């Protein structure tokens, strides 16, 4: 059996969607926290971005779910067609990193006492 590579543009879509989801989720909590920890911005940035967490966290979680749906759809299509997904390793790495970022953002939001302990240790 000859293996054919999937050469359509859709193989990079799950990874790109995962990255966008991670950026959305991180924009409320993790990105301002990193900027404050490195001294690039002050605490005012954190307070400004926290106002929009009602929008960014659900968009991040929804985007991550969409990225996984796109990935599994592409895998199922390639399994049926007998092809190999191009860039599968990179897609898995991006999805894993996006999952970690979204999970940390949710943990920071859902467990504020743990977040306060993390901030005090910085």
Protein backbone atom coordinates (compact mmCIF):
# COMPACT_ATOMS: atom_id res chain seq x y z
CA UNK A 1 0.00 0.00 0.00
CA UNK A 2 1.34 3.43 -0.92
CA UNK A 3 1.18 6.08 1.76
CA UNK A 4 0.13 9.47 0.57
CA UNK A 5 0.89 12.58 2.58
CA UNK A 6 -1.98 14.91 3.34
CA UNK A 7 -0.96 18.10 1.57
CA UNK A 8 -4.06 20.20 2.08
CA UNK A 9 -3.88 23.38 4.13
CA UNK A 10 -6.04 21.96 6.90
CA UNK A 11 -3.26 20.02 8.65
CA UNK A 12 -1.85 23.18 10.26
CA UNK A 13 -5.26 24.48 11.34
CA UNK A 14 -5.49 22.55 14.65
CA UNK A 15 -2.08 23.81 15.78
CA UNK A 16 -2.87 27.39 14.82
CA UNK A 17 -6.25 27.23 16.55
CA UNK A 18 -4.58 25.86 19.69
CA UNK A 19 -2.06 28.70 19.72
CA UNK A 20 -4.80 31.30 19.34
CA UNK A 21 -6.77 29.64 22.15
CA UNK A 22 -3.72 29.71 24.41
CA UNK A 23 -3.11 33.38 23.67
CA UNK A 24 -6.74 34.22 24.43
CA UNK A 25 -6.72 32.36 27.72
CA UNK A 26 -3.32 33.72 28.71
CA UNK A 27 -4.23 37.31 27.92
CA UNK A 28 -6.27 37.65 31.12
CA UNK A 29 -3.91 36.09 33.65
CA UNK A 30 -0.63 34.62 32.48
CA UNK A 31 0.61 37.28 30.07
CA UNK A 32 0.16 40.20 32.50
CA UNK A 33 1.65 38.09 35.29
CA UNK A 34 4.72 37.35 33.17
CA UNK A 35 5.10 41.01 32.21
CA UNK A 36 4.85 42.09 35.84
CA UNK A 37 7.32 39.42 37.00
CA UNK A 38 9.88 40.53 34.41
CA UNK A 39 9.38 44.20 35.28
CA UNK A 40 8.07 45.20 31.85
CA UNK A 41 4.69 46.39 33.17
CA UNK A 42 3.12 47.39 36.45
CA UNK A 43 0.20 45.99 38.40
CA UNK A 44 -2.19 48.28 36.52
CA UNK A 45 -1.89 46.01 33.48
CA UNK A 46 -3.02 43.02 35.54
CA UNK A 47 -6.06 44.88 36.81
CA UNK A 48 -6.95 46.06 33.31
CA UNK A 49 -6.72 42.60 31.78
CA UNK A 50 -8.58 40.91 34.64
CA UNK A 51 -11.67 42.90 33.68
CA UNK A 52 -11.91 40.93 30.45
CA UNK A 53 -11.47 37.42 31.83
CA UNK A 54 -15.20 36.80 31.40
CA UNK A 55 -14.50 36.96 27.66
CA UNK A 56 -10.98 35.61 27.24
CA UNK A 57 -11.23 32.44 29.34
CA UNK A 58 -14.35 31.03 27.61
CA UNK A 59 -12.88 31.94 24.21
CA UNK A 60 -9.66 30.17 25.13
CA UNK A 61 -11.44 27.03 26.31
CA UNK A 62 -13.74 27.04 23.27
CA UNK A 63 -10.84 27.59 20.92
CA UNK A 64 -8.92 24.73 22.48
CA UNK A 65 -11.92 22.42 22.14
CA UNK A 66 -12.21 23.49 18.50
CA UNK A 67 -8.51 22.81 17.93
CA UNK A 68 -8.84 19.28 19.29
CA UNK A 69 -11.98 18.71 17.18
CA UNK A 70 -10.11 19.83 14.05
CA UNK A 71 -7.13 17.64 14.91
CA UNK A 72 -9.20 14.51 15.47
CA UNK A 73 -11.25 15.18 12.34
CA UNK A 74 -8.06 15.40 10.27
CA UNK A 75 -6.68 12.22 11.90
CA UNK A 76 -9.90 10.35 11.18
CA UNK A 77 -9.86 11.57 7.55
CA UNK A 78 -6.27 10.45 7.09
CA UNK A 79 -6.89 7.10 8.77
CA UNK A 80 -9.76 6.49 6.35
CA UNK A 81 -7.81 7.68 3.30
CA UNK A 82 -4.64 5.84 4.27
CA UNK A 83 -2.53 8.96 4.39
CA UNK A 84 -0.23 10.47 6.97
CA UNK A 85 -0.86 13.84 8.62
CA UNK A 86 1.88 16.32 7.79
CA UNK A 87 3.35 18.03 10.85
CA UNK A 88 1.61 15.76 13.31
CA UNK A 89 4.38 16.01 15.90
CA UNK A 90 4.37 19.83 15.79
CA UNK A 91 0.58 19.85 16.04
CA UNK A 92 0.69 17.61 19.11
CA UNK A 93 3.31 19.85 20.74
CA UNK A 94 1.25 22.98 20.04
CA UNK A 95 -1.93 21.38 21.33
CA UNK A 96 -0.14 20.22 24.47
CA UNK A 97 1.33 23.66 25.12
CA UNK A 98 -2.04 25.31 24.51
CA UNK A 99 -3.71 22.85 26.88
CA UNK A 100 -1.14 23.64 29.59
CA UNK A 101 -1.60 27.40 29.19
CA UNK A 102 -5.40 27.18 29.28
CA UNK A 103 -5.29 24.83 32.28
CA UNK A 104 -2.99 27.16 34.23
CA UNK A 105 -5.19 30.16 33.35
CA UNK A 106 -8.25 28.29 34.61
CA UNK A 107 -6.46 27.21 37.79
CA UNK A 108 -5.41 30.79 38.48
CA UNK A 109 -9.02 31.89 38.06
CA UNK A 110 -10.74 29.07 39.92
CA UNK A 111 -8.37 28.92 42.91
CA UNK A 112 -7.65 32.52 43.93
CA UNK A 113 -6.01 31.59 47.25
CA UNK A 114 -3.45 29.47 45.38
CA UNK A 115 -2.91 32.36 42.98
CA UNK A 116 -2.27 34.72 45.89
CA UNK A 117 0.33 32.31 47.25
CA UNK A 118 2.06 32.14 43.88
CA UNK A 119 2.10 35.94 43.59
CA UNK A 120 3.51 36.35 47.11
CA UNK A 121 6.36 33.99 46.36
CA UNK A 122 7.51 36.09 43.38
